[in-house]
Amino acid sequence: MRPALASILGFALFAAGPAQAADPRLVPDVSSRAIDIQYSFTGEELLLFGAILYPGQRLPDDRADIVVVLKGPVRPIVLREKRRVAGIWVNANSIRLRTSPGFYAIGSSRPIDKLVDERTAAIFELGLDNLSMSPAGFSEARKLARFESGLIDLYRRSGLFYENPGAVEITEGVLYRARIPVPARVPVGTYRAETYLISRGRVLAVASRDVQIRKAGFERFVALAAQRHGFLYGLTAVALSLLLGYGASAIFRRR
C-alpha cells in the first residue's frame, strides 16, 4: 500500500500549492470500493487511507487528529425484550428504531472524548454511544436507552459494531491509515467510509467514499431470485424440499 500512499501524498502537494485554501482538506480513499460475499467469505479487512492538504503546504503547530467511520446500511428494526413468565420466555416490551445501522465501525488516532466535546460527538455521531437511531413514536428515555444499550452490546459481540481509539496511524502529520475489520455476517448494501479531520476540538474537514458490499456468484443469484420472483422462488424451494425428502426416504427404504 506504500505506492498508493505515496501517490496520495504527491497529489496532496500538487493540489495544496495553487489552492491556498483557508482550511485544510482531506483526500481519502479505501483499499476496495466493492466487497463480494461468496460461500467462502470469512470476513475482510478494509484499509482507509489518505492525505491531509494544508494551506501553503505548511504543517500547523498544533497536532491534528483523524477519525474514520465505516457505516451502513441504515434500516428500521424492531427490538423485543423477553421475560420469563411461569417458566416460559415470552415477548414483553418492544420498540421500533427507524435509523439503525446494520454495521458501524469507528477508529481514531486518540479516544473520541479527548478530541471533541459531547455535543460535537453527538452531531457527527462519533462513537457507539452517540448513534442516533430515531425511535418511531414516543418512547421513555430510560426505555430507549435500555434497548439501544442491548442492541449495541449484541452487535458488538457479533462484530457488527466496532470501536478502536488507536486504529488510525498518522505519518509525518500528513498521511493517515486505519484498518477496519469487516465480519462474515456483514449485511449487504451501500456503506460510507467517512474521514474527519479534528483539531482543537473542532471538525475542520470531512470527506467520504462509498463502499459496496454485495453478494456474488450463486448467493447473488439466489438473493436476486428471492427478491424479484418471490412466488416462483417459494414454489421452487417447496418442490426441492419435497424432492429431497422423497429421495432420502427412498434410499433408507432400500437399506
Protein backbone atom coordinates (compact mmCIF):
# COMPACT_ATOMS: atom_id res chain seq x y z
CA MET A 1 0.00 0.00 0.00
CA ARG A 2 3.03 2.31 0.19
CA PRO A 3 2.87 3.24 -3.54
CA ALA A 4 -0.78 4.23 -3.10
CA LEU A 5 0.05 6.39 -0.09
CA ALA A 6 2.94 7.95 -1.99
CA SER A 7 0.66 8.83 -4.90
CA ILE A 8 -1.83 10.37 -2.47
CA LEU A 9 0.95 12.46 -0.96
CA GLY A 10 2.12 13.58 -4.40
CA PHE A 11 -1.38 14.68 -5.31
CA ALA A 12 -1.70 16.45 -1.96
CA LEU A 13 1.43 18.53 -2.51
CA PHE A 14 0.36 19.37 -6.05
CA ALA A 15 -3.18 20.35 -5.09
CA ALA A 16 -2.27 22.30 -1.97
CA GLY A 17 0.02 24.74 -3.78
CA PRO A 18 -2.36 26.67 -6.04
CA ALA A 19 -5.48 26.19 -3.93
CA GLN A 20 -4.29 28.15 -0.87
CA ALA A 21 -7.50 27.25 0.95
CA ALA A 22 -8.15 28.71 4.38
CA ASP A 23 -8.84 25.33 5.96
CA PRO A 24 -7.12 22.01 5.34
CA ARG A 25 -8.79 19.41 3.15
CA LEU A 26 -8.82 15.63 3.03
CA VAL A 27 -8.02 13.28 0.15
CA PRO A 28 -9.41 9.91 1.30
CA ASP A 29 -9.52 6.52 -0.34
CA VAL A 30 -10.22 2.89 0.51
CA SER A 31 -8.41 -0.31 -0.40
CA SER A 32 -11.52 -1.73 -2.06
CA ARG A 33 -14.63 0.03 -3.37
CA ALA A 34 -16.55 -3.26 -3.55
CA ILE A 35 -16.53 -6.38 -1.36
CA ASP A 36 -18.06 -9.55 -2.81
CA ILE A 37 -19.62 -12.09 -0.44
CA GLN A 38 -19.45 -15.70 -1.60
CA TYR A 39 -19.93 -19.02 0.17
CA SER A 40 -16.28 -18.99 1.27
CA PHE A 41 -16.36 -15.43 2.65
CA THR A 42 -14.97 -15.36 6.20
CA GLY A 43 -14.53 -11.62 6.59
CA GLU A 44 -12.17 -8.99 5.25
CA GLU A 45 -10.03 -6.11 6.43
CA LEU A 46 -10.73 -2.76 4.77
CA LEU A 47 -7.97 -0.15 4.68
CA LEU A 48 -8.99 3.50 4.89
CA PHE A 49 -6.13 5.83 4.00
CA GLY A 50 -5.40 9.24 2.55
CA ALA A 51 -3.68 12.58 2.98
CA ILE A 52 -4.29 15.95 4.62
CA LEU A 53 -3.93 19.04 2.38
CA TYR A 54 -2.69 22.01 4.39
CA PRO A 55 -2.78 25.57 3.03
CA GLY A 56 0.62 26.65 1.75
CA GLN A 57 1.97 23.13 2.30
CA ARG A 58 2.85 24.10 5.87
CA LEU A 59 2.09 21.82 8.78
CA PRO A 60 0.36 23.52 11.73
CA ASP A 61 2.00 23.74 15.11
CA ASP A 62 -0.96 22.02 16.78
CA ARG A 63 -1.44 18.31 16.34
CA ALA A 64 -4.37 17.29 14.15
CA ASP A 65 -6.26 14.05 14.68
CA ILE A 66 -8.13 11.74 12.32
CA VAL A 67 -11.34 9.79 12.89
CA VAL A 68 -12.58 7.24 10.35
CA VAL A 69 -16.07 5.74 10.29
CA LEU A 70 -17.49 2.93 8.17
CA LYS A 71 -21.25 2.51 8.46
CA GLY A 72 -24.31 1.22 6.64
CA PRO A 73 -26.82 0.21 5.55
CA VAL A 74 -29.35 2.13 7.65
CA ARG A 75 -32.75 0.47 8.04
CA PRO A 76 -35.62 0.23 10.53
CA ILE A 77 -35.51 -2.51 13.12
CA VAL A 78 -37.87 -3.80 15.83
CA LEU A 79 -36.32 -4.78 19.16
CA ARG A 80 -38.17 -7.02 21.58
CA GLU A 81 -37.45 -7.67 25.22
CA LYS A 82 -38.09 -11.19 26.53
CA ARG A 83 -39.21 -12.01 30.04
CA ARG A 84 -39.76 -15.29 31.81
CA VAL A 85 -43.38 -15.80 32.81
CA ALA A 86 -44.39 -19.06 34.53
CA GLY A 87 -41.23 -20.72 33.27
CA ILE A 88 -41.79 -19.66 29.66
CA TRP A 89 -39.88 -16.93 27.81
CA VAL A 90 -42.33 -14.51 26.15
CA ASN A 91 -42.04 -11.18 24.36
CA ALA A 92 -42.61 -8.26 26.71
CA ASN A 93 -41.74 -4.68 25.74
CA SER A 94 -40.73 -3.71 22.22
CA ILE A 95 -39.50 -0.64 20.38
CA ARG A 96 -39.04 0.29 16.72
CA LEU A 97 -35.93 2.18 15.64
CA ARG A 98 -36.13 3.91 12.26
CA THR A 99 -32.43 4.53 11.53
CA SER A 100 -30.40 1.67 12.94
CA PRO A 101 -27.15 0.94 11.05
CA GLY A 102 -26.54 -2.69 10.19
CA PHE A 103 -22.82 -2.10 10.64
CA TYR A 104 -20.83 0.64 12.37
CA ALA A 105 -17.07 0.80 12.87
CA ILE A 106 -15.07 3.76 14.13
CA GLY A 107 -11.34 4.21 14.53
CA SER A 108 -9.41 7.26 15.69
CA SER A 109 -5.92 8.45 16.44
CA ARG A 110 -6.94 9.16 20.05
CA PRO A 111 -10.04 8.49 22.16
CA ILE A 112 -13.04 10.50 20.96
CA ASP A 113 -13.58 12.19 24.32
CA LYS A 114 -10.06 13.62 24.03
CA LEU A 115 -10.80 15.14 20.61
CA VAL A 116 -14.24 16.76 20.79
CA ASP A 117 -16.91 17.61 23.36
CA GLU A 118 -20.11 15.62 23.80
CA ARG A 119 -22.18 17.98 21.65
CA THR A 120 -19.85 17.75 18.65
CA ALA A 121 -19.58 13.97 19.00
CA ALA A 122 -23.39 13.72 19.04
CA ILE A 123 -23.79 15.96 15.98
CA PHE A 124 -21.39 13.87 13.87
CA GLU A 125 -22.38 10.57 15.55
CA LEU A 126 -18.80 9.81 16.58
CA GLY A 127 -18.80 6.73 18.79
CA LEU A 128 -21.25 3.96 19.57
CA ASP A 129 -22.80 5.95 22.41
CA ASN A 130 -23.61 8.79 20.00
CA LEU A 131 -25.51 6.85 17.36
CA SER A 132 -28.88 8.42 16.53
CA MET A 133 -31.37 5.62 15.90
CA SER A 134 -34.58 7.73 15.88
CA PRO A 135 -37.31 5.74 17.64
CA ALA A 136 -40.68 5.59 15.91
CA GLY A 137 -43.25 7.31 18.11
CA PHE A 138 -42.89 8.41 21.71
CA SER A 139 -40.65 6.39 23.99
CA GLU A 140 -39.41 6.99 27.51
CA ALA A 141 -35.75 7.97 27.73
CA ARG A 142 -34.89 5.13 30.12
CA LYS A 143 -36.62 2.54 27.95
CA LEU A 144 -34.92 3.83 24.79
CA ALA A 145 -31.51 3.83 26.48
CA ARG A 146 -32.04 0.24 27.69
CA PHE A 147 -32.95 -1.05 24.23
CA GLU A 148 -30.15 0.86 22.49
CA SER A 149 -27.63 -0.44 25.01
CA GLY A 150 -28.82 -4.00 24.43
CA LEU A 151 -28.58 -3.62 20.65
CA ILE A 152 -25.08 -2.13 20.84
CA ASP A 153 -23.91 -4.94 23.12
CA LEU A 154 -25.41 -7.60 20.81
CA TYR A 155 -23.89 -6.12 17.66
CA ARG A 156 -20.55 -5.51 19.33
CA ARG A 157 -20.28 -9.18 20.33
CA SER A 158 -21.15 -10.28 16.77
CA GLY A 159 -18.56 -7.93 15.24
CA LEU A 160 -21.11 -5.64 13.56
CA PHE A 161 -20.26 -2.75 15.88
CA TYR A 162 -16.58 -1.96 16.35
CA GLU A 163 -14.69 0.80 18.16
CA ASN A 164 -10.92 1.25 18.33
CA PRO A 165 -9.46 4.54 19.66
CA GLY A 166 -5.98 3.68 18.38
CA ALA A 167 -6.79 2.36 14.92
CA VAL A 168 -5.58 5.42 12.96
CA GLU A 169 -1.88 5.91 12.26
CA ILE A 170 -0.72 9.37 11.13
CA THR A 171 2.65 9.63 9.38
CA GLU A 172 4.57 12.92 9.20
CA GLY A 173 1.38 14.76 10.08
CA VAL A 174 0.10 14.29 6.52
CA LEU A 175 -0.61 10.65 5.70
CA TYR A 176 -3.07 8.53 7.64
CA ARG A 177 -4.27 4.94 7.53
CA ALA A 178 -6.61 2.70 9.50
CA ARG A 179 -7.71 -0.91 9.18
CA ILE A 180 -11.37 -1.77 9.77
CA PRO A 181 -12.39 -5.45 10.16
CA VAL A 182 -15.45 -6.49 8.17
CA PRO A 183 -17.06 -9.64 9.66
CA ALA A 184 -18.50 -12.54 7.68
CA ARG A 185 -22.08 -11.73 8.78
CA VAL A 186 -21.99 -8.16 7.48
CA PRO A 187 -25.23 -7.11 5.73
CA VAL A 188 -25.12 -6.24 2.04
CA GLY A 189 -25.72 -2.71 0.84
CA THR A 190 -24.06 0.66 0.32
CA TYR A 191 -21.63 1.80 3.01
CA ARG A 192 -19.99 5.16 3.59
CA ALA A 193 -16.36 5.43 4.63
CA GLU A 194 -16.10 8.83 6.32
CA THR A 195 -12.95 10.66 7.44
CA TYR A 196 -12.91 13.55 9.92
CA LEU A 197 -10.02 15.94 10.49
CA ILE A 198 -10.13 17.35 14.04
CA SER A 199 -8.02 19.97 15.78
CA ARG A 200 -8.59 21.94 19.00
CA GLY A 201 -11.97 20.33 19.46
CA ARG A 202 -13.22 21.41 16.01
CA VAL A 203 -14.04 19.33 12.96
CA LEU A 204 -12.02 21.07 10.24
CA ALA A 205 -12.78 18.82 7.28
CA VAL A 206 -14.97 15.86 6.34
CA ALA A 207 -14.67 13.57 3.32
CA SER A 208 -16.26 10.27 2.35
CA ARG A 209 -16.16 7.40 -0.11
CA ASP A 210 -18.84 4.83 -0.94
CA VAL A 211 -18.19 1.12 -0.49
CA GLN A 212 -20.44 -1.58 -1.94
CA ILE A 213 -20.83 -4.88 -0.09
CA ARG A 214 -22.73 -7.33 -2.29
CA LYS A 215 -23.42 -10.98 -2.77
CA ALA A 216 -21.62 -12.68 -5.66
CA GLY A 217 -21.83 -15.96 -7.52
CA PHE A 218 -24.59 -18.43 -6.66
CA GLU A 219 -25.50 -16.50 -3.48
CA ARG A 220 -26.24 -13.42 -5.59
CA PHE A 221 -28.40 -15.45 -7.96
CA VAL A 222 -30.47 -16.89 -5.09
CA ALA A 223 -30.86 -13.48 -3.41
CA LEU A 224 -32.00 -11.79 -6.63
CA ALA A 225 -34.41 -14.64 -7.40
CA ALA A 226 -35.98 -14.32 -3.94
CA GLN A 227 -36.38 -10.55 -4.35
CA ARG A 228 -37.62 -10.38 -7.94
CA HIS A 229 -39.60 -13.63 -8.21
CA GLY A 230 -40.75 -14.36 -4.68
CA PHE A 231 -43.68 -16.61 -5.63
CA LEU A 232 -41.68 -18.78 -8.04
CA TYR A 233 -38.79 -18.88 -5.56
CA GLY A 234 -41.12 -20.19 -2.86
CA LEU A 235 -42.59 -22.85 -5.14
CA THR A 236 -39.10 -23.96 -6.19
CA ALA A 237 -37.97 -24.18 -2.57
CA VAL A 238 -41.00 -26.29 -1.62
CA ALA A 239 -40.53 -28.57 -4.66
CA LEU A 240 -36.85 -29.09 -3.89
CA SER A 241 -37.66 -29.89 -0.26
CA LEU A 242 -40.26 -32.47 -1.28
CA LEU A 243 -37.91 -33.98 -3.87
CA LEU A 244 -35.00 -34.25 -1.44
CA GLY A 245 -37.26 -35.70 1.26
CA TYR A 246 -38.65 -38.30 -1.13
CA GLY A 247 -35.15 -39.20 -2.34
CA ALA A 248 -33.85 -39.60 1.21
CA SER A 249 -36.80 -41.80 2.23
CA ALA A 250 -36.31 -43.98 -0.88
CA ILE A 251 -32.64 -44.51 -0.06
CA PHE A 252 -33.36 -45.52 3.54
CA ARG A 253 -36.13 -47.92 2.43
CA ARG A 254 -33.68 -49.77 0.20
CA ARG A 255 -31.30 -50.22 3.12
